[in-house]
Amino acid sequence: KVFLTMADKTEGMQESVAHMATLLKDQTTLFYYPMPEESH
């Protein structure tokens, strides 16, 4: 089971975590939960 989150206010890092979520979504029980209201 994997939980990934990223604050959308953090420049250049959102795409990295989104890419990793795509890589893991079919191989794990993935909880990808972006939190745009937060900063790093």
PDB file of all heavy atoms in Angstrom:
ATOM      1  N   LYS A   1       0.864  -1.187   0.000  1.00  0.00           N
ATOM      2  CA  LYS A   1       0.000   0.000   0.000  1.00  0.00           C
ATOM      3  C   LYS A   1       0.899   1.237   0.000  1.00  0.00           C
ATOM      4  O   LYS A   1       1.832   1.335   0.794  1.00  0.00           O
ATOM      5  CB  LYS A   1      -0.916  -0.001   1.212  1.00  0.00           C
ATOM      6  CG  LYS A   1      -1.846  -1.212   1.287  1.00  0.00           C
ATOM      7  CD  LYS A   1      -2.951  -1.041   2.313  1.00  0.00           C
ATOM      8  CE  LYS A   1      -2.442  -0.929   3.737  1.00  0.00           C
ATOM      9  NZ  LYS A   1      -1.847  -2.195   4.220  1.00  0.00           N
ATOM     10  N   VAL A   2       0.594   2.160  -0.886  1.00  0.00           N
ATOM     11  CA  VAL A   2       1.442   3.337  -1.083  1.00  0.00           C
ATOM     12  C   VAL A   2       0.584   4.593  -1.042  1.00  0.00           C
ATOM     13  O   VAL A   2      -0.469   4.658  -1.688  1.00  0.00           O
ATOM     14  CB  VAL A   2       2.191   3.262  -2.430  1.00  0.00           C
ATOM     15  CG1 VAL A   2       3.068   4.497  -2.629  1.00  0.00           C
ATOM     16  CG2 VAL A   2       3.034   1.991  -2.505  1.00  0.00           C
ATOM     17  N   PHE A   3       1.062   5.585  -0.291  1.00  0.00           N
ATOM     18  CA  PHE A   3       0.420   6.897  -0.265  1.00  0.00           C
ATOM     19  C   PHE A   3       1.407   7.920  -0.791  1.00  0.00           C
ATOM     20  O   PHE A   3       2.526   8.042  -0.297  1.00  0.00           O
ATOM     21  CB  PHE A   3       0.011   7.265   1.170  1.00  0.00           C
ATOM     22  CG  PHE A   3      -0.602   8.638   1.280  1.00  0.00           C
ATOM     23  CD1 PHE A   3      -1.965   8.824   1.123  1.00  0.00           C
ATOM     24  CD2 PHE A   3       0.192   9.753   1.548  1.00  0.00           C
ATOM     25  CE1 PHE A   3      -2.533  10.091   1.231  1.00  0.00           C
ATOM     26  CE2 PHE A   3      -0.361  11.016   1.661  1.00  0.00           C
ATOM     27  CZ  PHE A   3      -1.732  11.186   1.502  1.00  0.00           C
ATOM     28  N   LEU A   4       0.988   8.670  -1.800  1.00  0.00           N
ATOM     29  CA  LEU A   4       1.793   9.745  -2.370  1.00  0.00           C
ATOM     30  C   LEU A   4       0.984  11.037  -2.340  1.00  0.00           C
ATOM     31  O   LEU A   4      -0.194  11.042  -2.700  1.00  0.00           O
ATOM     32  CB  LEU A   4       2.177   9.441  -3.819  1.00  0.00           C
ATOM     33  CG  LEU A   4       3.180   8.320  -4.097  1.00  0.00           C
ATOM     34  CD1 LEU A   4       3.324   8.127  -5.601  1.00  0.00           C
ATOM     35  CD2 LEU A   4       4.526   8.632  -3.478  1.00  0.00           C
ATOM     36  N   THR A   5       1.623  12.114  -1.935  1.00  0.00           N
ATOM     37  CA  THR A   5       0.981  13.409  -2.007  1.00  0.00           C
ATOM     38  C   THR A   5       2.000  14.475  -2.362  1.00  0.00           C
ATOM     39  O   THR A   5       3.205  14.294  -2.147  1.00  0.00           O
ATOM     40  CB  THR A   5       0.283  13.770  -0.677  1.00  0.00           C
ATOM     41  OG1 THR A   5      -0.464  14.982  -0.855  1.00  0.00           O
ATOM     42  CG2 THR A   5       1.290  13.984   0.442  1.00  0.00           C
ATOM     43  N   MET A   6       1.499  15.557  -2.920  1.00  0.00           N
ATOM     44  CA  MET A   6       2.366  16.665  -3.315  1.00  0.00           C
ATOM     45  C   MET A   6       1.557  17.957  -3.260  1.00  0.00           C
ATOM     46  O   MET A   6       0.386  17.976  -3.606  1.00  0.00           O
ATOM     47  CB  MET A   6       2.897  16.451  -4.735  1.00  0.00           C
ATOM     48  CG  MET A   6       3.656  17.631  -5.305  1.00  0.00           C
ATOM     49  SD  MET A   6       4.985  18.218  -4.253  1.00  0.00           S
ATOM     50  CE  MET A   6       5.980  16.748  -4.135  1.00  0.00           C
ATOM     51  N   ALA A   7       2.200  19.005  -2.791  1.00  0.00           N
ATOM     52  CA  ALA A   7       1.560  20.318  -2.762  1.00  0.00           C
ATOM     53  C   ALA A   7       1.749  20.991  -4.116  1.00  0.00           C
ATOM     54  O   ALA A   7       2.870  21.123  -4.596  1.00  0.00           O
ATOM     55  CB  ALA A   7       2.176  21.174  -1.652  1.00  0.00           C
ATOM     56  N   ASP A   8       0.676  21.417  -4.717  1.00  0.00           N
ATOM     57  CA  ASP A   8       0.769  22.013  -6.053  1.00  0.00           C
ATOM     58  C   ASP A   8       1.479  23.357  -6.065  1.00  0.00           C
ATOM     59  O   ASP A   8       1.825  23.868  -7.116  1.00  0.00           O
ATOM     60  CB  ASP A   8      -0.633  22.184  -6.658  1.00  0.00           C
ATOM     61  CG  ASP A   8      -1.159  20.878  -7.219  1.00  0.00           C
ATOM     62  OD1 ASP A   8      -0.368  19.932  -7.332  1.00  0.00           O
ATOM     63  OD2 ASP A   8      -2.350  20.804  -7.536  1.00  0.00           O
ATOM     64  N   LYS A   9       1.684  23.954  -4.878  1.00  0.00           N
ATOM     65  CA  LYS A   9       2.404  25.219  -4.816  1.00  0.00           C
ATOM     66  C   LYS A   9       3.913  25.038  -4.922  1.00  0.00           C
ATOM     67  O   LYS A   9       4.659  26.004  -4.950  1.00  0.00           O
ATOM     68  CB  LYS A   9       2.057  25.947  -3.519  1.00  0.00           C
ATOM     69  CG  LYS A   9       0.605  26.379  -3.430  1.00  0.00           C
ATOM     70  CD  LYS A   9       0.321  27.071  -2.105  1.00  0.00           C
ATOM     71  CE  LYS A   9      -1.146  27.464  -1.994  1.00  0.00           C
ATOM     72  NZ  LYS A   9      -1.453  28.106  -0.693  1.00  0.00           N
ATOM     73  N   THR A  10       4.365  23.802  -4.957  1.00  0.00           N
ATOM     74  CA  THR A  10       5.790  23.536  -5.019  1.00  0.00           C
ATOM     75  C   THR A  10       6.202  23.392  -6.476  1.00  0.00           C
ATOM     76  O   THR A  10       5.890  22.402  -7.126  1.00  0.00           O
ATOM     77  CB  THR A  10       6.145  22.250  -4.247  1.00  0.00           C
ATOM     78  OG1 THR A  10       5.603  22.346  -2.932  1.00  0.00           O
ATOM     79  CG2 THR A  10       7.644  22.054  -4.162  1.00  0.00           C
ATOM     80  N   GLU A  11       6.896  24.362  -6.995  1.00  0.00           N
ATOM     81  CA  GLU A  11       7.215  24.386  -8.422  1.00  0.00           C
ATOM     82  C   GLU A  11       8.092  23.219  -8.837  1.00  0.00           C
ATOM     83  O   GLU A  11       9.061  22.875  -8.175  1.00  0.00           O
ATOM     84  CB  GLU A  11       7.943  25.689  -8.763  1.00  0.00           C
ATOM     85  CG  GLU A  11       7.034  26.895  -8.816  1.00  0.00           C
ATOM     86  CD  GLU A  11       7.765  28.100  -9.355  1.00  0.00           C
ATOM     87  OE1 GLU A  11       8.749  27.919 -10.116  1.00  0.00           O
ATOM     88  OE2 GLU A  11       7.362  29.219  -9.025  1.00  0.00           O
ATOM     89  N   GLY A  12       7.720  22.592  -9.943  1.00  0.00           N
ATOM     90  CA  GLY A  12       8.555  21.570 -10.549  1.00  0.00           C
ATOM     91  C   GLY A  12       8.474  20.202  -9.911  1.00  0.00           C
ATOM     92  O   GLY A  12       9.062  19.252 -10.426  1.00  0.00           O
ATOM     93  N   MET A  13       7.747  20.059  -8.802  1.00  0.00           N
ATOM     94  CA  MET A  13       7.710  18.768  -8.116  1.00  0.00           C
ATOM     95  C   MET A  13       6.399  18.026  -8.340  1.00  0.00           C
ATOM     96  O   MET A  13       6.334  16.813  -8.180  1.00  0.00           O
ATOM     97  CB  MET A  13       7.952  18.959  -6.612  1.00  0.00           C
ATOM     98  CG  MET A  13       9.331  19.521  -6.300  1.00  0.00           C
ATOM     99  SD  MET A  13       9.610  19.851  -4.547  1.00  0.00           S
ATOM    100  CE  MET A  13       9.689  18.173  -3.892  1.00  0.00           C
ATOM    101  N   GLN A  14       5.348  18.754  -8.720  1.00  0.00           N
ATOM    102  CA  GLN A  14       4.062  18.099  -8.926  1.00  0.00           C
ATOM    103  C   GLN A  14       4.145  17.021 -10.005  1.00  0.00           C
ATOM    104  O   GLN A  14       3.637  15.906  -9.852  1.00  0.00           O
ATOM    105  CB  GLN A  14       2.984  19.115  -9.318  1.00  0.00           C
ATOM    106  CG  GLN A  14       2.907  20.319  -8.393  1.00  0.00           C
ATOM    107  CD  GLN A  14       3.683  21.494  -8.949  1.00  0.00           C
ATOM    108  OE1 GLN A  14       4.846  21.356  -9.298  1.00  0.00           O
ATOM    109  NE2 GLN A  14       3.048  22.652  -9.032  1.00  0.00           N
ATOM    110  N   GLU A  15       4.808  17.375 -11.112  1.00  0.00           N
ATOM    111  CA  GLU A  15       4.895  16.443 -12.232  1.00  0.00           C
ATOM    112  C   GLU A  15       5.670  15.186 -11.849  1.00  0.00           C
ATOM    113  O   GLU A  15       5.355  14.081 -12.298  1.00  0.00           O
ATOM    114  CB  GLU A  15       5.553  17.119 -13.430  1.00  0.00           C
ATOM    115  CG  GLU A  15       4.759  18.271 -14.026  1.00  0.00           C
ATOM    116  CD  GLU A  15       4.951  19.569 -13.274  1.00  0.00           C
ATOM    117  OE1 GLU A  15       5.767  19.589 -12.317  1.00  0.00           O
ATOM    118  OE2 GLU A  15       4.291  20.566 -13.628  1.00  0.00           O
ATOM    119  N   SER A  16       6.695  15.346 -11.023  1.00  0.00           N
ATOM    120  CA  SER A  16       7.510  14.196 -10.614  1.00  0.00           C
ATOM    121  C   SER A  16       6.680  13.182  -9.847  1.00  0.00           C
ATOM    122  O   SER A  16       6.749  11.973 -10.094  1.00  0.00           O
ATOM    123  CB  SER A  16       8.689  14.656  -9.748  1.00  0.00           C
ATOM    124  OG  SER A  16       9.562  15.474 -10.474  1.00  0.00           O
ATOM    125  N   VAL A  17       5.889  13.673  -8.902  1.00  0.00           N
ATOM    126  CA  VAL A  17       5.080  12.767  -8.088  1.00  0.00           C
ATOM    127  C   VAL A  17       3.944  12.170  -8.914  1.00  0.00           C
ATOM    128  O   VAL A  17       3.603  10.988  -8.766  1.00  0.00           O
ATOM    129  CB  VAL A  17       4.551  13.496  -6.845  1.00  0.00           C
ATOM    130  CG1 VAL A  17       3.687  12.565  -6.006  1.00  0.00           C
ATOM    131  CG2 VAL A  17       5.718  14.008  -6.007  1.00  0.00           C
ATOM    132  N   ALA A  18       3.364  12.953  -9.798  1.00  0.00           N
ATOM    133  CA  ALA A  18       2.311  12.430 -10.668  1.00  0.00           C
ATOM    134  C   ALA A  18       2.848  11.312 -11.555  1.00  0.00           C
ATOM    135  O   ALA A  18       2.176  10.293 -11.785  1.00  0.00           O
ATOM    136  CB  ALA A  18       1.729  13.556 -11.522  1.00  0.00           C
ATOM    137  N   HIS A  19       4.068  11.477 -12.051  1.00  0.00           N
ATOM    138  CA  HIS A  19       4.688  10.443 -12.880  1.00  0.00           C
ATOM    139  C   HIS A  19       4.906   9.168 -12.078  1.00  0.00           C
ATOM    140  O   HIS A  19       4.650   8.056 -12.563  1.00  0.00           O
ATOM    141  CB  HIS A  19       6.016  10.957 -13.439  1.00  0.00           C
ATOM    142  CG  HIS A  19       6.644  10.018 -14.430  1.00  0.00           C
ATOM    143  ND1 HIS A  19       7.378   8.908 -14.061  1.00  0.00           N
ATOM    144  CD2 HIS A  19       6.665  10.034 -15.793  1.00  0.00           C
ATOM    145  CE1 HIS A  19       7.809   8.279 -15.121  1.00  0.00           C
ATOM    146  NE2 HIS A  19       7.399   8.941 -16.196  1.00  0.00           N
ATOM    147  N   MET A  20       5.382   9.306 -10.841  1.00  0.00           N
ATOM    148  CA  MET A  20       5.598   8.132 -10.001  1.00  0.00           C
ATOM    149  C   MET A  20       4.280   7.434  -9.699  1.00  0.00           C
ATOM    150  O   MET A  20       4.206   6.198  -9.678  1.00  0.00           O
ATOM    151  CB  MET A  20       6.309   8.541  -8.709  1.00  0.00           C
ATOM    152  CG  MET A  20       6.623   7.380  -7.761  1.00  0.00           C
ATOM    153  SD  MET A  20       7.642   6.061  -8.499  1.00  0.00           S
ATOM    154  CE  MET A  20       9.159   6.972  -8.868  1.00  0.00           C
ATOM    155  N   ALA A  21       3.226   8.204  -9.490  1.00  0.00           N
ATOM    156  CA  ALA A  21       1.916   7.614  -9.236  1.00  0.00           C
ATOM    157  C   ALA A  21       1.458   6.781 -10.434  1.00  0.00           C
ATOM    158  O   ALA A  21       0.900   5.685 -10.266  1.00  0.00           O
ATOM    159  CB  ALA A  21       0.901   8.715  -8.928  1.00  0.00           C
ATOM    160  N   THR A  22       1.706   7.283 -11.623  1.00  0.00           N
ATOM    161  CA  THR A  22       1.354   6.527 -12.832  1.00  0.00           C
ATOM    162  C   THR A  22       2.124   5.228 -12.904  1.00  0.00           C
ATOM    163  O   THR A  22       1.573   4.175 -13.275  1.00  0.00           O
ATOM    164  CB  THR A  22       1.635   7.370 -14.085  1.00  0.00           C
ATOM    165  OG1 THR A  22       0.847   8.572 -14.031  1.00  0.00           O
ATOM    166  CG2 THR A  22       1.297   6.609 -15.353  1.00  0.00           C
ATOM    167  N   LEU A  23       3.391   5.255 -12.519  1.00  0.00           N
ATOM    168  CA  LEU A  23       4.225   4.065 -12.542  1.00  0.00           C
ATOM    169  C   LEU A  23       3.735   3.001 -11.558  1.00  0.00           C
ATOM    170  O   LEU A  23       3.793   1.800 -11.837  1.00  0.00           O
ATOM    171  CB  LEU A  23       5.674   4.447 -12.208  1.00  0.00           C
ATOM    172  CG  LEU A  23       6.700   3.320 -12.133  1.00  0.00           C
ATOM    173  CD1 LEU A  23       6.924   2.693 -13.507  1.00  0.00           C
ATOM    174  CD2 LEU A  23       8.019   3.847 -11.581  1.00  0.00           C
ATOM    175  N   LEU A  24       3.212   3.452 -10.414  1.00  0.00           N
ATOM    176  CA  LEU A  24       2.879   2.517  -9.333  1.00  0.00           C
ATOM    177  C   LEU A  24       1.418   2.085  -9.311  1.00  0.00           C
ATOM    178  O   LEU A  24       1.081   1.109  -8.620  1.00  0.00           O
ATOM    179  CB  LEU A  24       3.221   3.161  -7.985  1.00  0.00           C
ATOM    180  CG  LEU A  24       4.695   3.480  -7.725  1.00  0.00           C
ATOM    181  CD1 LEU A  24       4.825   4.233  -6.402  1.00  0.00           C
ATOM    182  CD2 LEU A  24       5.533   2.207  -7.698  1.00  0.00           C
ATOM    183  N   LYS A  25       0.551   2.769 -10.037  1.00  0.00           N
ATOM    184  CA  LYS A  25      -0.880   2.557  -9.849  1.00  0.00           C
ATOM    185  C   LYS A  25      -1.339   1.144 -10.198  1.00  0.00           C
ATOM    186  O   LYS A  25      -2.297   0.644  -9.589  1.00  0.00           O
ATOM    187  CB  LYS A  25      -1.680   3.582 -10.651  1.00  0.00           C
ATOM    188  CG  LYS A  25      -1.574   3.426 -12.163  1.00  0.00           C
ATOM    189  CD  LYS A  25      -2.455   4.461 -12.870  1.00  0.00           C
ATOM    190  CE  LYS A  25      -2.402   4.295 -14.381  1.00  0.00           C
ATOM    191  NZ  LYS A  25      -3.280   5.284 -15.066  1.00  0.00           N
ATOM    192  N   ASP A  26      -0.688   0.486 -11.128  1.00  0.00           N
ATOM    193  CA  ASP A  26      -1.106  -0.851 -11.519  1.00  0.00           C
ATOM    194  C   ASP A  26      -0.377  -1.956 -10.754  1.00  0.00           C
ATOM    195  O   ASP A  26      -0.719  -3.128 -10.898  1.00  0.00           O
ATOM    196  CB  ASP A  26      -0.879  -1.057 -13.028  1.00  0.00           C
ATOM    197  CG  ASP A  26      -1.767  -0.161 -13.874  1.00  0.00           C
ATOM    198  OD1 ASP A  26      -2.888   0.159 -13.426  1.00  0.00           O
ATOM    199  OD2 ASP A  26      -1.329   0.252 -14.967  1.00  0.00           O
ATOM    200  N   GLN A  27       0.608  -1.584  -9.957  1.00  0.00           N
ATOM    201  CA  GLN A  27       1.409  -2.591  -9.265  1.00  0.00           C
ATOM    202  C   GLN A  27       1.218  -2.578  -7.753  1.00  0.00           C
ATOM    203  O   GLN A  27       1.666  -3.487  -7.062  1.00  0.00           O
ATOM    204  CB  GLN A  27       2.894  -2.378  -9.582  1.00  0.00           C
ATOM    205  CG  GLN A  27       3.200  -2.411 -11.072  1.00  0.00           C
ATOM    206  CD  GLN A  27       4.683  -2.563 -11.341  1.00  0.00           C
ATOM    207  OE1 GLN A  27       5.327  -3.466 -10.830  1.00  0.00           O
ATOM    208  NE2 GLN A  27       5.222  -1.664 -12.136  1.00  0.00           N
ATOM    209  N   THR A  28       0.572  -1.545  -7.227  1.00  0.00           N
ATOM    210  CA  THR A  28       0.358  -1.423  -5.792  1.00  0.00           C
ATOM    211  C   THR A  28      -1.076  -0.993  -5.528  1.00  0.00           C
ATOM    212  O   THR A  28      -1.806  -0.637  -6.448  1.00  0.00           O
ATOM    213  CB  THR A  28       1.295  -0.355  -5.182  1.00  0.00           C
ATOM    214  OG1 THR A  28       0.907   0.933  -5.670  1.00  0.00           O
ATOM    215  CG2 THR A  28       2.752  -0.620  -5.533  1.00  0.00           C
ATOM    216  N   THR A  29      -1.454  -1.032  -4.258  1.00  0.00           N
ATOM    217  CA  THR A  29      -2.676  -0.351  -3.843  1.00  0.00           C
ATOM    218  C   THR A  29      -2.279   1.090  -3.574  1.00  0.00           C
ATOM    219  O   THR A  29      -1.709   1.402  -2.527  1.00  0.00           O
ATOM    220  CB  THR A  29      -3.270  -1.007  -2.583  1.00  0.00           C
ATOM    221  OG1 THR A  29      -3.580  -2.374  -2.862  1.00  0.00           O
ATOM    222  CG2 THR A  29      -4.544  -0.285  -2.160  1.00  0.00           C
ATOM    223  N   LEU A  30      -2.537   1.934  -4.547  1.00  0.00           N
ATOM    224  CA  LEU A  30      -2.019   3.304  -4.518  1.00  0.00           C
ATOM    225  C   LEU A  30      -3.085   4.287  -4.069  1.00  0.00           C
ATOM    226  O   LEU A  30      -4.216   4.264  -4.559  1.00  0.00           O
ATOM    227  CB  LEU A  30      -1.516   3.697  -5.907  1.00  0.00           C
ATOM    228  CG  LEU A  30      -1.024   5.144  -6.053  1.00  0.00           C
ATOM    229  CD1 LEU A  30       0.256   5.360  -5.247  1.00  0.00           C
ATOM    230  CD2 LEU A  30      -0.811   5.491  -7.522  1.00  0.00           C
ATOM    231  N   PHE A  31      -2.699   5.163  -3.162  1.00  0.00           N
ATOM    232  CA  PHE A  31      -3.507   6.306  -2.767  1.00  0.00           C
ATOM    233  C   PHE A  31      -2.722   7.559  -3.171  1.00  0.00           C
ATOM    234  O   PHE A  31      -1.764   7.941  -2.498  1.00  0.00           O
ATOM    235  CB  PHE A  31      -3.764   6.301  -1.260  1.00  0.00           C
ATOM    236  CG  PHE A  31      -4.519   5.100  -0.770  1.00  0.00           C
ATOM    237  CD1 PHE A  31      -3.840   3.942  -0.425  1.00  0.00           C
ATOM    238  CD2 PHE A  31      -5.894   5.119  -0.658  1.00  0.00           C
ATOM    239  CE1 PHE A  31      -4.530   2.824   0.035  1.00  0.00           C
ATOM    240  CE2 PHE A  31      -6.592   4.011  -0.206  1.00  0.00           C
ATOM    241  CZ  PHE A  31      -5.912   2.854   0.140  1.00  0.00           C
ATOM    242  N   TYR A  32      -3.100   8.129  -4.287  1.00  0.00           N
ATOM    243  CA  TYR A  32      -2.450   9.354  -4.767  1.00  0.00           C
ATOM    244  C   TYR A  32      -3.378  10.504  -4.465  1.00  0.00           C
ATOM    245  O   TYR A  32      -4.493  10.580  -4.987  1.00  0.00           O
ATOM    246  CB  TYR A  32      -2.162   9.244  -6.261  1.00  0.00           C
ATOM    247  CG  TYR A  32      -1.590  10.503  -6.874  1.00  0.00           C
ATOM    248  CD1 TYR A  32      -0.541  11.190  -6.257  1.00  0.00           C
ATOM    249  CD2 TYR A  32      -2.107  11.004  -8.061  1.00  0.00           C
ATOM    250  CE1 TYR A  32      -0.021  12.348  -6.814  1.00  0.00           C
ATOM    251  CE2 TYR A  32      -1.590  12.159  -8.636  1.00  0.00           C
ATOM    252  CZ  TYR A  32      -0.545  12.826  -8.000  1.00  0.00           C
ATOM    253  OH  TYR A  32      -0.039  13.986  -8.552  1.00  0.00           O
ATOM    254  N   TYR A  33      -2.926  11.404  -3.594  1.00  0.00           N
ATOM    255  CA  TYR A  33      -3.813  12.421  -3.057  1.00  0.00           C
ATOM    256  C   TYR A  33      -3.128  13.785  -3.093  1.00  0.00           C
ATOM    257  O   TYR A  33      -2.564  14.236  -2.097  1.00  0.00           O
ATOM    258  CB  TYR A  33      -4.194  12.054  -1.619  1.00  0.00           C
ATOM    259  CG  TYR A  33      -5.369  12.813  -1.077  1.00  0.00           C
ATOM    260  CD1 TYR A  33      -6.662  12.398  -1.332  1.00  0.00           C
ATOM    261  CD2 TYR A  33      -5.180  13.955  -0.301  1.00  0.00           C
ATOM    262  CE1 TYR A  33      -7.750  13.096  -0.825  1.00  0.00           C
ATOM    263  CE2 TYR A  33      -6.254  14.668   0.219  1.00  0.00           C
ATOM    264  CZ  TYR A  33      -7.540  14.229  -0.047  1.00  0.00           C
ATOM    265  OH  TYR A  33      -8.601  14.919   0.459  1.00  0.00           O
ATOM    266  N   PRO A  34      -3.125  14.471  -4.243  1.00  0.00           N
ATOM    267  CA  PRO A  34      -2.535  15.814  -4.300  1.00  0.00           C
ATOM    268  C   PRO A  34      -3.244  16.766  -3.339  1.00  0.00           C
ATOM    269  O   PRO A  34      -4.459  16.676  -3.137  1.00  0.00           O
ATOM    270  CB  PRO A  34      -2.762  16.230  -5.756  1.00  0.00           C
ATOM    271  CG  PRO A  34      -2.981  14.955  -6.496  1.00  0.00           C
ATOM    272  CD  PRO A  34      -3.663  14.040  -5.542  1.00  0.00           C
ATOM    273  N   MET A  35      -2.474  17.680  -2.753  1.00  0.00           N
ATOM    274  CA  MET A  35      -3.035  18.651  -1.800  1.00  0.00           C
ATOM    275  C   MET A  35      -2.679  20.060  -2.272  1.00  0.00           C
ATOM    276  O   MET A  35      -1.713  20.671  -1.789  1.00  0.00           O
ATOM    277  CB  MET A  35      -2.502  18.365  -0.398  1.00  0.00           C
ATOM    278  CG  MET A  35      -2.817  16.951   0.082  1.00  0.00           C
ATOM    279  SD  MET A  35      -2.255  16.597   1.775  1.00  0.00           S
ATOM    280  CE  MET A  35      -3.481  17.527   2.707  1.00  0.00           C
ATOM    281  N   PRO A  36      -3.428  20.608  -3.233  1.00  0.00           N
ATOM    282  CA  PRO A  36      -3.086  21.900  -3.830  1.00  0.00           C
ATOM    283  C   PRO A  36      -3.177  23.066  -2.860  1.00  0.00           C
ATOM    284  O   PRO A  36      -2.627  24.137  -3.113  1.00  0.00           O
ATOM    285  CB  PRO A  36      -4.103  22.045  -4.963  1.00  0.00           C
ATOM    286  CG  PRO A  36      -5.254  21.178  -4.564  1.00  0.00           C
ATOM    287  CD  PRO A  36      -4.643  20.022  -3.842  1.00  0.00           C
ATOM    288  N   GLU A  37      -3.853  22.871  -1.746  1.00  0.00           N
ATOM    289  CA  GLU A  37      -3.983  23.960  -0.774  1.00  0.00           C
ATOM    290  C   GLU A  37      -2.747  24.110   0.095  1.00  0.00           C
ATOM    291  O   GLU A  37      -2.649  25.066   0.883  1.00  0.00           O
ATOM    292  CB  GLU A  37      -5.208  23.704   0.128  1.00  0.00           C
ATOM    293  CG  GLU A  37      -5.063  22.562   1.121  1.00  0.00           C
ATOM    294  CD  GLU A  37      -5.332  21.188   0.523  1.00  0.00           C
ATOM    295  OE1 GLU A  37      -5.392  21.075  -0.720  1.00  0.00           O
ATOM    296  OE2 GLU A  37      -5.477  20.228   1.296  1.00  0.00           O
ATOM    297  N   GLU A  38      -1.789  23.195  -0.008  1.00  0.00           N
ATOM    298  CA  GLU A  38      -0.606  23.207   0.838  1.00  0.00           C
ATOM    299  C   GLU A  38       0.647  23.585   0.050  1.00  0.00           C
ATOM    300  O   GLU A  38       0.682  23.507  -1.178  1.00  0.00           O
ATOM    301  CB  GLU A  38      -0.393  21.827   1.470  1.00  0.00           C
ATOM    302  CG  GLU A  38      -1.560  21.324   2.308  1.00  0.00           C
ATOM    303  CD  GLU A  38      -1.770  22.118   3.571  1.00  0.00           C
ATOM    304  OE1 GLU A  38      -0.874  22.916   3.947  1.00  0.00           O
ATOM    305  OE2 GLU A  38      -2.839  21.977   4.198  1.00  0.00           O
ATOM    306  N   SER A  39       1.697  23.965   0.783  1.00  0.00           N
ATOM    307  CA  SER A  39       3.027  24.167   0.217  1.00  0.00           C
ATOM    308  C   SER A  39       3.937  23.066   0.738  1.00  0.00           C
ATOM    309  O   SER A  39       3.555  22.290   1.626  1.00  0.00           O
ATOM    310  CB  SER A  39       3.584  25.539   0.623  1.00  0.00           C
ATOM    311  OG  SER A  39       3.886  25.551   2.014  1.00  0.00           O
ATOM    312  N   HIS A  40       5.144  23.002   0.219  1.00  0.00           N
ATOM    313  CA  HIS A  40       6.100  21.999   0.677  1.00  0.00           C
ATOM    314  C   HIS A  40       6.364  22.144   2.180  1.00  0.00           C
ATOM    315  O   HIS A  40       6.606  21.153   2.876  1.00  0.00           O
ATOM    316  CB  HIS A  40       7.406  22.142  -0.105  1.00  0.00           C
ATOM    317  CG  HIS A  40       8.396  21.055   0.147  1.00  0.00           C
ATOM    318  ND1 HIS A  40       8.200  19.751  -0.259  1.00  0.00           N
ATOM    319  CD2 HIS A  40       9.602  21.072   0.774  1.00  0.00           C
ATOM    320  CE1 HIS A  40       9.239  19.007   0.094  1.00  0.00           C
ATOM    321  NE2 HIS A  40      10.103  19.790   0.731  1.00  0.00           N
TER     322      HIS A  40
END
